[in-house]
Amino acid sequence: MQKLIAIALTAFLCGTPRFVAADEILSVAVPDRGAWDSSYTEFGLQQGFFKEEGLDVRITYVADQAAVESLLVSGKVDIAVGIGFADILGAWAHGAPVKIISPESTGAPDVFWFGKIAGPVASVGDLHGQAVGYSAPGSLTYFILRTLLEEASVDDARLVAVGPAASGYPQVIDAQLAASWSRPPANVNYLLAGEIRIIARANDSPQVRNETTRVNAVNVNFLASHRGAVIGFLKAYKKSVVWAYSSQLALDAYAKLSGQSSDAAKYIFKEFTSREGAQIDQIKGEDRVLAEALAAKRLPHALTHEDIEGVYDFVAK
């Protein structure tokens, strides 16, 4: 009898399906699809890093920073990556349920200004009295441009908001602008074709180079009930960053994701990325960002580090 019971129990256990806990769903807003640093989350999905943490990450690609902020504040996404530091500070200061969980980019190695290949402008110092494009008032590119001009002692350039990076190219070619801003992959094909040339890079400025420009942030309501998932996300995200700078396969994945040729992807990686700037452990240049956020009227009044300590929750430390 005992033998029959044992046989029956074994058959029951072997025949009973095992229930495995489903991965936790986590929605992530990613701006500027096709940019190198906006690809880290996609890399993590492809390499299974989020799966290893028990996460089912679902990406929502958005066109601009305002859309990212809106989705995060409303709770329509749980996490936003690569969002402007000044933007998230402003949202938090006005009571939005958001917190910064890590830096995303120190400096802006991917932001540059270009002019016509045979035009009169070869450097920022040539912009005296010239019209030069940036994205939007109060934006990261606005403050970077102002810094570059100030460091070059150019105080009479005319700053023109042109919107997306691609919008500046025809205005430069038609001589409506002497130079305009860009961020890969926009306008890289014109650089490679020799139609335009770089006249300045954001990271030419030591101030910009040592400033946290973009951060990763979370909706606090999601964080309160899913802290473990947020920790797991950052662990996997960090693995993605490391993989992006250490594997040749990352260039192939980026070329496919961004719709670039292999040569263009290699050029972008070589010219417009920074492993040092991709660190996600330390906020830098906070005082400068606070001043920029105040100047852009994102803050109601001047704030200090002590005033904004509540905006941070470095969950992975």
C-alpha atoms as a PDB file:
ATOM      1  CA  MET A   1       0.000   0.000   0.000  1.00  0.00           C
ATOM      2  CA  GLN A   2       2.765   2.455   0.929  1.00  0.00           C
ATOM      3  CA  LYS A   3       4.482   1.671  -2.366  1.00  0.00           C
ATOM      4  CA  LEU A   4       1.296   2.402  -4.303  1.00  0.00           C
ATOM      5  CA  ILE A   5       0.826   5.684  -2.437  1.00  0.00           C
ATOM      6  CA  ALA A   6       4.411   6.696  -3.197  1.00  0.00           C
ATOM      7  CA  ILE A   7       3.958   5.883  -6.877  1.00  0.00           C
ATOM      8  CA  ALA A   8       0.706   7.839  -7.003  1.00  0.00           C
ATOM      9  CA  LEU A   9       2.259  10.851  -5.243  1.00  0.00           C
ATOM     10  CA  THR A  10       5.217  10.845  -7.627  1.00  0.00           C
ATOM     11  CA  ALA A  11       2.883  10.732 -10.602  1.00  0.00           C
ATOM     12  CA  PHE A  12       0.844  13.621  -9.164  1.00  0.00           C
ATOM     13  CA  LEU A  13       3.894  15.814  -8.558  1.00  0.00           C
ATOM     14  CA  CYS A  14       5.351  15.109 -11.975  1.00  0.00           C
ATOM     15  CA  GLY A  15       2.067  15.739 -13.713  1.00  0.00           C
ATOM     16  CA  THR A  16       1.189  18.960 -11.861  1.00  0.00           C
ATOM     17  CA  PRO A  17       2.204  22.110 -13.756  1.00  0.00           C
ATOM     18  CA  ARG A  18       4.613  24.414 -11.934  1.00  0.00           C
ATOM     19  CA  PHE A  19       3.394  27.984 -11.530  1.00  0.00           C
ATOM     20  CA  VAL A  20       6.194  30.490 -12.040  1.00  0.00           C
ATOM     21  CA  ALA A  21       5.646  34.054 -10.878  1.00  0.00           C
ATOM     22  CA  ALA A  22       5.137  36.384 -13.830  1.00  0.00           C
ATOM     23  CA  ASP A  23       7.689  39.124 -14.401  1.00  0.00           C
ATOM     24  CA  GLU A  24       6.643  42.457 -12.955  1.00  0.00           C
ATOM     25  CA  ILE A  25       5.522  44.906 -15.626  1.00  0.00           C
ATOM     26  CA  LEU A  26       7.364  48.211 -15.603  1.00  0.00           C
ATOM     27  CA  SER A  27       6.591  50.972 -18.120  1.00  0.00           C
ATOM     28  CA  VAL A  28       9.444  53.252 -19.170  1.00  0.00           C
ATOM     29  CA  ALA A  29       9.350  56.491 -21.169  1.00  0.00           C
ATOM     30  CA  VAL A  30      12.332  56.958 -23.480  1.00  0.00           C
ATOM     31  CA  PRO A  31      12.869  60.219 -25.422  1.00  0.00           C
ATOM     32  CA  ASP A  32      14.672  60.776 -28.709  1.00  0.00           C
ATOM     33  CA  ARG A  33      14.605  57.292 -30.211  1.00  0.00           C
ATOM     34  CA  GLY A  34      17.768  56.746 -32.218  1.00  0.00           C
ATOM     35  CA  ALA A  35      20.047  58.692 -29.886  1.00  0.00           C
ATOM     36  CA  TRP A  36      22.867  56.597 -28.440  1.00  0.00           C
ATOM     37  CA  ASP A  37      22.017  57.052 -24.772  1.00  0.00           C
ATOM     38  CA  SER A  38      18.296  56.525 -25.357  1.00  0.00           C
ATOM     39  CA  SER A  39      19.206  53.017 -26.559  1.00  0.00           C
ATOM     40  CA  TYR A  40      20.403  51.671 -23.193  1.00  0.00           C
ATOM     41  CA  THR A  41      16.947  50.449 -22.173  1.00  0.00           C
ATOM     42  CA  GLU A  42      16.445  48.692 -25.510  1.00  0.00           C
ATOM     43  CA  PHE A  43      19.896  47.095 -25.163  1.00  0.00           C
ATOM     44  CA  GLY A  44      18.885  45.777 -21.751  1.00  0.00           C
ATOM     45  CA  LEU A  45      15.766  44.208 -23.200  1.00  0.00           C
ATOM     46  CA  GLN A  46      17.660  42.577 -26.038  1.00  0.00           C
ATOM     47  CA  GLN A  47      20.340  41.187 -23.723  1.00  0.00           C
ATOM     48  CA  GLY A  48      17.867  39.928 -21.127  1.00  0.00           C
ATOM     49  CA  PHE A  49      19.217  42.084 -18.293  1.00  0.00           C
ATOM     50  CA  PHE A  50      15.744  43.184 -17.159  1.00  0.00           C
ATOM     51  CA  LYS A  51      14.436  39.642 -17.452  1.00  0.00           C
ATOM     52  CA  GLU A  52      17.193  38.557 -15.049  1.00  0.00           C
ATOM     53  CA  GLU A  53      15.721  40.990 -12.501  1.00  0.00           C
ATOM     54  CA  GLY A  54      12.215  39.612 -12.957  1.00  0.00           C
ATOM     55  CA  LEU A  55      11.026  42.626 -14.938  1.00  0.00           C
ATOM     56  CA  ASP A  56       8.857  42.893 -18.010  1.00  0.00           C
ATOM     57  CA  VAL A  57       9.964  46.338 -19.232  1.00  0.00           C
ATOM     58  CA  ARG A  58       7.706  48.012 -21.744  1.00  0.00           C
ATOM     59  CA  ILE A  59       9.080  51.053 -23.558  1.00  0.00           C
ATOM     60  CA  THR A  60       7.084  54.085 -24.627  1.00  0.00           C
ATOM     61  CA  TYR A  61       9.102  56.200 -27.054  1.00  0.00           C
ATOM     62  CA  VAL A  62       8.283  59.900 -26.996  1.00  0.00           C
ATOM     63  CA  ALA A  63       9.369  62.783 -29.181  1.00  0.00           C
ATOM     64  CA  ASP A  64      10.426  65.389 -26.644  1.00  0.00           C
ATOM     65  CA  GLN A  65      11.189  66.200 -23.021  1.00  0.00           C
ATOM     66  CA  ALA A  66       7.812  67.794 -22.333  1.00  0.00           C
ATOM     67  CA  ALA A  67       6.031  64.579 -23.307  1.00  0.00           C
ATOM     68  CA  VAL A  68       8.336  62.503 -21.092  1.00  0.00           C
ATOM     69  CA  GLU A  69       7.679  64.733 -18.105  1.00  0.00           C
ATOM     70  CA  SER A  70       3.919  64.676 -18.680  1.00  0.00           C
ATOM     71  CA  LEU A  71       3.785  60.877 -18.854  1.00  0.00           C
ATOM     72  CA  LEU A  72       5.843  60.472 -15.685  1.00  0.00           C
ATOM     73  CA  VAL A  73       3.960  63.054 -13.639  1.00  0.00           C
ATOM     74  CA  SER A  74       0.592  61.603 -14.636  1.00  0.00           C
ATOM     75  CA  GLY A  75       1.682  58.067 -13.748  1.00  0.00           C
ATOM     76  CA  LYS A  76       1.107  56.795 -17.279  1.00  0.00           C
ATOM     77  CA  VAL A  77       4.674  55.504 -17.105  1.00  0.00           C
ATOM     78  CA  ASP A  78       6.557  54.354 -14.033  1.00  0.00           C
ATOM     79  CA  ILE A  79      10.071  55.499 -14.946  1.00  0.00           C
ATOM     80  CA  ALA A  80      11.509  58.045 -17.371  1.00  0.00           C
ATOM     81  CA  VAL A  81      15.099  57.824 -18.588  1.00  0.00           C
ATOM     82  CA  GLY A  82      17.213  60.606 -20.062  1.00  0.00           C
ATOM     83  CA  ILE A  83      14.940  63.388 -18.843  1.00  0.00           C
ATOM     84  CA  GLY A  84      16.401  66.885 -18.397  1.00  0.00           C
ATOM     85  CA  PHE A  85      17.756  67.489 -14.891  1.00  0.00           C
ATOM     86  CA  ALA A  86      16.357  71.044 -14.807  1.00  0.00           C
ATOM     87  CA  ASP A  87      12.985  69.788 -16.075  1.00  0.00           C
ATOM     88  CA  ILE A  88      12.558  67.244 -13.315  1.00  0.00           C
ATOM     89  CA  LEU A  89      13.747  69.720 -10.672  1.00  0.00           C
ATOM     90  CA  GLY A  90      11.094  72.153 -11.836  1.00  0.00           C
ATOM     91  CA  ALA A  91       8.365  69.525 -11.806  1.00  0.00           C
ATOM     92  CA  TRP A  92       9.310  68.397  -8.303  1.00  0.00           C
ATOM     93  CA  ALA A  93       9.522  71.964  -6.994  1.00  0.00           C
ATOM     94  CA  HIS A  94       5.944  72.514  -8.142  1.00  0.00           C
ATOM     95  CA  GLY A  95       4.690  69.445  -6.288  1.00  0.00           C
ATOM     96  CA  ALA A  96       4.829  66.773  -8.985  1.00  0.00           C
ATOM     97  CA  PRO A  97       5.120  63.176  -7.655  1.00  0.00           C
ATOM     98  CA  VAL A  98       8.585  62.485  -9.055  1.00  0.00           C
ATOM     99  CA  LYS A  99      12.031  61.620  -7.740  1.00  0.00           C
ATOM    100  CA  ILE A 100      15.450  61.304  -9.328  1.00  0.00           C
ATOM    101  CA  ILE A 101      16.873  57.800  -8.964  1.00  0.00           C
ATOM    102  CA  SER A 102      20.178  58.348 -10.790  1.00  0.00           C
ATOM    103  CA  PRO A 103      22.039  60.607 -13.194  1.00  0.00           C
ATOM    104  CA  GLU A 104      21.847  59.544 -16.844  1.00  0.00           C
ATOM    105  CA  SER A 105      24.376  61.796 -18.553  1.00  0.00           C
ATOM    106  CA  THR A 106      27.217  63.950 -17.279  1.00  0.00           C
ATOM    107  CA  GLY A 107      27.909  66.605 -19.859  1.00  0.00           C
ATOM    108  CA  ALA A 108      26.380  66.395 -23.317  1.00  0.00           C
ATOM    109  CA  PRO A 109      28.883  64.657 -25.609  1.00  0.00           C
ATOM    110  CA  ASP A 110      26.194  64.187 -28.248  1.00  0.00           C
ATOM    111  CA  VAL A 111      25.202  67.853 -28.627  1.00  0.00           C
ATOM    112  CA  PHE A 112      27.029  69.976 -31.189  1.00  0.00           C
ATOM    113  CA  TRP A 113      26.711  73.026 -33.438  1.00  0.00           C
ATOM    114  CA  PHE A 114      27.405  72.969 -37.166  1.00  0.00           C
ATOM    115  CA  GLY A 115      27.886  75.374 -40.041  1.00  0.00           C
ATOM    116  CA  LYS A 116      28.261  75.044 -43.813  1.00  0.00           C
ATOM    117  CA  ILE A 117      31.448  73.305 -44.847  1.00  0.00           C
ATOM    118  CA  ALA A 118      32.639  76.344 -46.838  1.00  0.00           C
ATOM    119  CA  GLY A 119      30.861  78.938 -44.715  1.00  0.00           C
ATOM    120  CA  PRO A 120      32.470  81.773 -42.764  1.00  0.00           C
ATOM    121  CA  VAL A 121      31.905  80.171 -39.356  1.00  0.00           C
ATOM    122  CA  ALA A 122      34.511  77.654 -38.225  1.00  0.00           C
ATOM    123  CA  SER A 123      34.260  78.113 -34.459  1.00  0.00           C
ATOM    124  CA  VAL A 124      32.149  79.762 -31.779  1.00  0.00           C
ATOM    125  CA  GLY A 125      34.461  82.751 -31.942  1.00  0.00           C
ATOM    126  CA  ASP A 126      33.191  83.442 -35.467  1.00  0.00           C
ATOM    127  CA  LEU A 127      29.598  83.942 -34.315  1.00  0.00           C
ATOM    128  CA  HIS A 128      29.859  87.678 -33.578  1.00  0.00           C
ATOM    129  CA  GLY A 129      26.695  89.271 -34.939  1.00  0.00           C
ATOM    130  CA  GLN A 130      25.538  85.953 -36.429  1.00  0.00           C
ATOM    131  CA  ALA A 131      22.258  84.065 -36.048  1.00  0.00           C
ATOM    132  CA  VAL A 132      22.695  80.682 -34.367  1.00  0.00           C
ATOM    133  CA  GLY A 133      20.071  78.053 -33.648  1.00  0.00           C
ATOM    134  CA  TYR A 134      19.156  76.159 -30.488  1.00  0.00           C
ATOM    135  CA  SER A 135      16.119  74.004 -29.711  1.00  0.00           C
ATOM    136  CA  ALA A 136      13.760  75.985 -27.435  1.00  0.00           C
ATOM    137  CA  PRO A 137      13.824  78.764 -24.822  1.00  0.00           C
ATOM    138  CA  GLY A 138      14.984  77.472 -21.448  1.00  0.00           C
ATOM    139  CA  SER A 139      16.162  74.181 -22.945  1.00  0.00           C
ATOM    140  CA  LEU A 140      19.430  72.386 -22.355  1.00  0.00           C
ATOM    141  CA  THR A 141      20.719  73.517 -25.751  1.00  0.00           C
ATOM    142  CA  TYR A 142      19.864  77.127 -24.919  1.00  0.00           C
ATOM    143  CA  PHE A 143      21.981  77.126 -21.775  1.00  0.00           C
ATOM    144  CA  ILE A 144      24.805  75.191 -23.405  1.00  0.00           C
ATOM    145  CA  LEU A 145      24.912  77.675 -26.276  1.00  0.00           C
ATOM    146  CA  ARG A 146      24.946  80.623 -23.897  1.00  0.00           C
ATOM    147  CA  THR A 147      27.823  79.044 -22.002  1.00  0.00           C
ATOM    148  CA  LEU A 148      29.842  78.371 -25.151  1.00  0.00           C
ATOM    149  CA  LEU A 149      29.324  81.946 -26.357  1.00  0.00           C
ATOM    150  CA  GLU A 150      30.234  83.394 -22.981  1.00  0.00           C
ATOM    151  CA  GLU A 151      33.417  81.343 -22.775  1.00  0.00           C
ATOM    152  CA  ALA A 152      34.362  82.532 -26.269  1.00  0.00           C
ATOM    153  CA  SER A 153      33.605  86.179 -25.310  1.00  0.00           C
ATOM    154  CA  VAL A 154      30.874  86.418 -27.936  1.00  0.00           C
ATOM    155  CA  ASP A 155      28.101  88.654 -26.616  1.00  0.00           C
ATOM    156  CA  ASP A 156      26.417  89.797 -29.822  1.00  0.00           C
ATOM    157  CA  ALA A 157      25.243  86.568 -31.459  1.00  0.00           C
ATOM    158  CA  ARG A 158      21.521  86.307 -32.240  1.00  0.00           C
ATOM    159  CA  LEU A 159      20.007  83.200 -30.666  1.00  0.00           C
ATOM    160  CA  VAL A 160      17.167  81.628 -32.657  1.00  0.00           C
ATOM    161  CA  ALA A 161      14.866  78.829 -31.447  1.00  0.00           C
ATOM    162  CA  VAL A 162      14.590  76.314 -34.302  1.00  0.00           C
ATOM    163  CA  GLY A 163      12.939  73.325 -32.606  1.00  0.00           C
ATOM    164  CA  PRO A 164      14.132  69.795 -33.490  1.00  0.00           C
ATOM    165  CA  ALA A 165      17.729  69.336 -34.618  1.00  0.00           C
ATOM    166  CA  ALA A 166      16.744  68.477 -38.183  1.00  0.00           C
ATOM    167  CA  SER A 167      15.016  71.859 -38.565  1.00  0.00           C
ATOM    168  CA  GLY A 168      18.279  73.771 -38.390  1.00  0.00           C
ATOM    169  CA  TYR A 169      19.940  72.164 -41.405  1.00  0.00           C
ATOM    170  CA  PRO A 170      17.941  73.843 -44.208  1.00  0.00           C
ATOM    171  CA  GLN A 171      18.250  77.207 -42.458  1.00  0.00           C
ATOM    172  CA  VAL A 172      22.033  76.851 -42.297  1.00  0.00           C
ATOM    173  CA  ILE A 173      22.240  75.763 -45.941  1.00  0.00           C
ATOM    174  CA  ASP A 174      20.052  78.721 -46.993  1.00  0.00           C
ATOM    175  CA  ALA A 175      22.192  81.089 -44.884  1.00  0.00           C
ATOM    176  CA  GLN A 176      19.271  82.053 -42.640  1.00  0.00           C
ATOM    177  CA  LEU A 177      21.456  80.824 -39.788  1.00  0.00           C
ATOM    178  CA  ALA A 178      25.226  80.852 -39.529  1.00  0.00           C
ATOM    179  CA  ALA A 179      25.090  77.724 -37.370  1.00  0.00           C
ATOM    180  CA  SER A 180      22.599  75.499 -35.597  1.00  0.00           C
ATOM    181  CA  TRP A 181      22.455  72.752 -33.015  1.00  0.00           C
ATOM    182  CA  SER A 182      22.194  69.019 -33.534  1.00  0.00           C
ATOM    183  CA  ARG A 183      22.244  65.658 -31.795  1.00  0.00           C
ATOM    184  CA  PRO A 184      22.870  62.348 -33.574  1.00  0.00           C
ATOM    185  CA  PRO A 185      21.489  60.703 -35.511  1.00  0.00           C
ATOM    186  CA  ALA A 186      20.085  63.997 -36.877  1.00  0.00           C
ATOM    187  CA  ASN A 187      22.328  65.582 -39.526  1.00  0.00           C
ATOM    188  CA  VAL A 188      25.057  62.952 -39.243  1.00  0.00           C
ATOM    189  CA  ASN A 189      24.552  62.021 -42.881  1.00  0.00           C
ATOM    190  CA  TYR A 190      25.358  65.607 -43.877  1.00  0.00           C
ATOM    191  CA  LEU A 191      28.511  65.542 -41.756  1.00  0.00           C
ATOM    192  CA  LEU A 192      29.649  62.321 -43.414  1.00  0.00           C
ATOM    193  CA  ALA A 193      28.815  63.734 -46.844  1.00  0.00           C
ATOM    194  CA  GLY A 194      30.979  66.785 -46.178  1.00  0.00           C
ATOM    195  CA  GLU A 195      28.130  69.293 -46.511  1.00  0.00           C
ATOM    196  CA  ILE A 196      28.446  70.680 -42.978  1.00  0.00           C
ATOM    197  CA  ARG A 197      31.150  70.833 -40.317  1.00  0.00           C
ATOM    198  CA  ILE A 198      31.156  70.888 -36.539  1.00  0.00           C
ATOM    199  CA  ILE A 199      31.996  74.322 -35.152  1.00  0.00           C
ATOM    200  CA  ALA A 200      31.487  73.502 -31.466  1.00  0.00           C
ATOM    201  CA  ARG A 201      30.631  70.668 -29.131  1.00  0.00           C
ATOM    202  CA  ALA A 202      28.756  71.029 -25.859  1.00  0.00           C
ATOM    203  CA  ASN A 203      31.573  69.284 -24.025  1.00  0.00           C
ATOM    204  CA  ASP A 204      34.080  71.874 -25.268  1.00  0.00           C
ATOM    205  CA  SER A 205      32.932  73.761 -22.176  1.00  0.00           C
ATOM    206  CA  PRO A 206      34.418  72.438 -18.919  1.00  0.00           C
ATOM    207  CA  GLN A 207      31.325  73.708 -17.138  1.00  0.00           C
ATOM    208  CA  VAL A 208      28.987  71.657 -19.286  1.00  0.00           C
ATOM    209  CA  ARG A 209      31.338  68.681 -19.328  1.00  0.00           C
ATOM    210  CA  ASN A 210      31.168  68.425 -15.525  1.00  0.00           C
ATOM    211  CA  GLU A 211      27.433  68.969 -15.122  1.00  0.00           C
ATOM    212  CA  THR A 212      24.678  66.376 -14.858  1.00  0.00           C
ATOM    213  CA  THR A 213      22.434  67.226 -17.787  1.00  0.00           C
ATOM    214  CA  ARG A 214      19.990  64.316 -17.854  1.00  0.00           C
ATOM    215  CA  VAL A 215      18.660  62.023 -15.146  1.00  0.00           C
ATOM    216  CA  ASN A 216      16.551  58.926 -14.650  1.00  0.00           C
ATOM    217  CA  ALA A 217      13.401  59.515 -12.605  1.00  0.00           C
ATOM    218  CA  VAL A 218      10.467  57.618 -11.138  1.00  0.00           C
ATOM    219  CA  ASN A 219       6.870  58.337 -10.246  1.00  0.00           C
ATOM    220  CA  VAL A 220       6.800  58.317  -6.434  1.00  0.00           C
ATOM    221  CA  ASN A 221       3.472  56.491  -6.253  1.00  0.00           C
ATOM    222  CA  PHE A 222       4.960  53.592  -8.200  1.00  0.00           C
ATOM    223  CA  LEU A 223       8.157  53.740  -6.131  1.00  0.00           C
ATOM    224  CA  ALA A 224       6.213  53.489  -2.865  1.00  0.00           C
ATOM    225  CA  SER A 225       4.705  50.132  -3.778  1.00  0.00           C
ATOM    226  CA  HIS A 226       7.333  48.738  -6.183  1.00  0.00           C
ATOM    227  CA  ARG A 227      10.667  49.746  -4.729  1.00  0.00           C
ATOM    228  CA  GLY A 228      12.203  46.361  -5.449  1.00  0.00           C
ATOM    229  CA  ALA A 229      11.272  46.670  -9.122  1.00  0.00           C
ATOM    230  CA  VAL A 230      12.903  50.112  -9.341  1.00  0.00           C
ATOM    231  CA  ILE A 231      16.074  48.769  -7.743  1.00  0.00           C
ATOM    232  CA  GLY A 232      16.072  45.887 -10.212  1.00  0.00           C
ATOM    233  CA  PHE A 233      15.552  48.285 -13.089  1.00  0.00           C
ATOM    234  CA  LEU A 234      18.609  50.348 -12.164  1.00  0.00           C
ATOM    235  CA  LYS A 235      20.753  47.245 -11.710  1.00  0.00           C
ATOM    236  CA  ALA A 236      19.813  46.025 -15.181  1.00  0.00           C
ATOM    237  CA  TYR A 237      20.134  49.507 -16.671  1.00  0.00           C
ATOM    238  CA  LYS A 238      23.680  49.791 -15.349  1.00  0.00           C
ATOM    239  CA  LYS A 239      24.516  46.428 -16.936  1.00  0.00           C
ATOM    240  CA  SER A 240      23.157  47.794 -20.213  1.00  0.00           C
ATOM    241  CA  VAL A 241      25.430  50.837 -20.036  1.00  0.00           C
ATOM    242  CA  VAL A 242      28.470  48.674 -19.330  1.00  0.00           C
ATOM    243  CA  TRP A 243      27.559  46.336 -22.192  1.00  0.00           C
ATOM    244  CA  ALA A 244      27.033  49.271 -24.574  1.00  0.00           C
ATOM    245  CA  TYR A 245      30.629  50.404 -24.105  1.00  0.00           C
ATOM    246  CA  SER A 246      32.269  46.991 -24.005  1.00  0.00           C
ATOM    247  CA  SER A 247      30.679  44.901 -26.748  1.00  0.00           C
ATOM    248  CA  GLN A 248      31.029  45.195 -30.512  1.00  0.00           C
ATOM    249  CA  LEU A 249      27.520  43.792 -30.685  1.00  0.00           C
ATOM    250  CA  ALA A 250      26.257  47.054 -29.186  1.00  0.00           C
ATOM    251  CA  LEU A 251      27.223  48.951 -32.347  1.00  0.00           C
ATOM    252  CA  ASP A 252      25.341  46.450 -34.486  1.00  0.00           C
ATOM    253  CA  ALA A 253      22.302  46.721 -32.218  1.00  0.00           C
ATOM    254  CA  TYR A 254      22.479  50.524 -32.282  1.00  0.00           C
ATOM    255  CA  ALA A 255      22.746  50.646 -36.079  1.00  0.00           C
ATOM    256  CA  LYS A 256      19.600  48.521 -36.378  1.00  0.00           C
ATOM    257  CA  LEU A 257      17.694  50.440 -33.705  1.00  0.00           C
ATOM    258  CA  SER A 258      18.550  53.885 -35.092  1.00  0.00           C
ATOM    259  CA  GLY A 259      18.270  52.963 -38.765  1.00  0.00           C
ATOM    260  CA  GLN A 260      21.888  53.950 -39.413  1.00  0.00           C
ATOM    261  CA  SER A 261      24.476  52.235 -41.536  1.00  0.00           C
ATOM    262  CA  SER A 262      27.233  50.372 -39.733  1.00  0.00           C
ATOM    263  CA  ASP A 263      29.714  53.108 -40.662  1.00  0.00           C
ATOM    264  CA  ALA A 264      27.410  55.853 -39.380  1.00  0.00           C
ATOM    265  CA  ALA A 265      26.861  53.982 -36.105  1.00  0.00           C
ATOM    266  CA  LYS A 266      30.613  53.625 -35.613  1.00  0.00           C
ATOM    267  CA  TYR A 267      31.096  57.327 -36.372  1.00  0.00           C
ATOM    268  CA  ILE A 268      28.433  58.327 -33.848  1.00  0.00           C
ATOM    269  CA  PHE A 269      29.941  56.089 -31.193  1.00  0.00           C
ATOM    270  CA  LYS A 270      33.442  57.443 -31.792  1.00  0.00           C
ATOM    271  CA  GLU A 271      32.549  61.129 -32.019  1.00  0.00           C
ATOM    272  CA  PHE A 272      29.505  61.624 -29.817  1.00  0.00           C
ATOM    273  CA  THR A 273      29.615  59.282 -26.825  1.00  0.00           C
ATOM    274  CA  SER A 274      31.462  59.252 -23.520  1.00  0.00           C
ATOM    275  CA  ARG A 275      31.825  56.271 -21.215  1.00  0.00           C
ATOM    276  CA  GLU A 276      32.814  58.583 -18.369  1.00  0.00           C
ATOM    277  CA  GLY A 277      29.773  60.746 -19.008  1.00  0.00           C
ATOM    278  CA  ALA A 278      27.466  57.728 -18.924  1.00  0.00           C
ATOM    279  CA  GLN A 279      28.072  57.057 -15.224  1.00  0.00           C
ATOM    280  CA  ILE A 280      24.865  56.725 -13.178  1.00  0.00           C
ATOM    281  CA  ASP A 281      26.272  57.020  -9.675  1.00  0.00           C
ATOM    282  CA  GLN A 282      27.001  60.694  -8.944  1.00  0.00           C
ATOM    283  CA  ILE A 283      25.136  63.946  -9.526  1.00  0.00           C
ATOM    284  CA  LYS A 284      27.483  66.729 -10.616  1.00  0.00           C
ATOM    285  CA  GLY A 285      27.217  70.485 -11.125  1.00  0.00           C
ATOM    286  CA  GLU A 286      24.017  70.773  -9.119  1.00  0.00           C
ATOM    287  CA  ASP A 287      24.459  74.503  -8.343  1.00  0.00           C
ATOM    288  CA  ARG A 288      24.764  75.285 -12.037  1.00  0.00           C
ATOM    289  CA  VAL A 289      21.623  73.293 -12.866  1.00  0.00           C
ATOM    290  CA  LEU A 290      19.697  75.069 -10.106  1.00  0.00           C
ATOM    291  CA  ALA A 291      20.737  78.425 -11.558  1.00  0.00           C
ATOM    292  CA  GLU A 292      19.647  77.337 -15.046  1.00  0.00           C
ATOM    293  CA  ALA A 293      16.310  76.037 -13.777  1.00  0.00           C
ATOM    294  CA  LEU A 294      15.695  79.346 -12.019  1.00  0.00           C
ATOM    295  CA  ALA A 295      16.637  81.354 -15.115  1.00  0.00           C
ATOM    296  CA  ALA A 296      14.242  79.223 -17.164  1.00  0.00           C
ATOM    297  CA  LYS A 297      11.502  79.994 -14.606  1.00  0.00           C
ATOM    298  CA  ARG A 298      11.096  76.329 -13.783  1.00  0.00           C
ATOM    299  CA  LEU A 299      11.712  77.090 -10.107  1.00  0.00           C
ATOM    300  CA  PRO A 300       9.481  79.474  -8.127  1.00  0.00           C
ATOM    301  CA  HIS A 301      12.540  80.936  -6.370  1.00  0.00           C
ATOM    302  CA  ALA A 302      16.209  80.223  -5.768  1.00  0.00           C
ATOM    303  CA  LEU A 303      16.864  76.859  -4.104  1.00  0.00           C
ATOM    304  CA  THR A 304      19.913  75.293  -2.477  1.00  0.00           C
ATOM    305  CA  HIS A 305      21.119  71.702  -2.199  1.00  0.00           C
ATOM    306  CA  GLU A 306      19.472  71.446   1.211  1.00  0.00           C
ATOM    307  CA  ASP A 307      16.170  72.626  -0.248  1.00  0.00           C
ATOM    308  CA  ILE A 308      16.096  69.916  -2.917  1.00  0.00           C
ATOM    309  CA  GLU A 309      17.437  66.902  -1.031  1.00  0.00           C
ATOM    310  CA  GLY A 310      13.924  65.452  -1.186  1.00  0.00           C
ATOM    311  CA  VAL A 311      14.047  65.176  -4.976  1.00  0.00           C
ATOM    312  CA  TYR A 312      16.626  62.372  -4.751  1.00  0.00           C
ATOM    313  CA  ASP A 313      16.112  58.715  -3.909  1.00  0.00           C
ATOM    314  CA  PHE A 314      19.163  56.805  -5.088  1.00  0.00           C
ATOM    315  CA  VAL A 315      17.518  53.436  -4.618  1.00  0.00           C
ATOM    316  CA  ALA A 316      20.429  51.337  -5.883  1.00  0.00           C
ATOM    317  CA  LYS A 317      22.996  52.677  -3.414  1.00  0.00           C
END
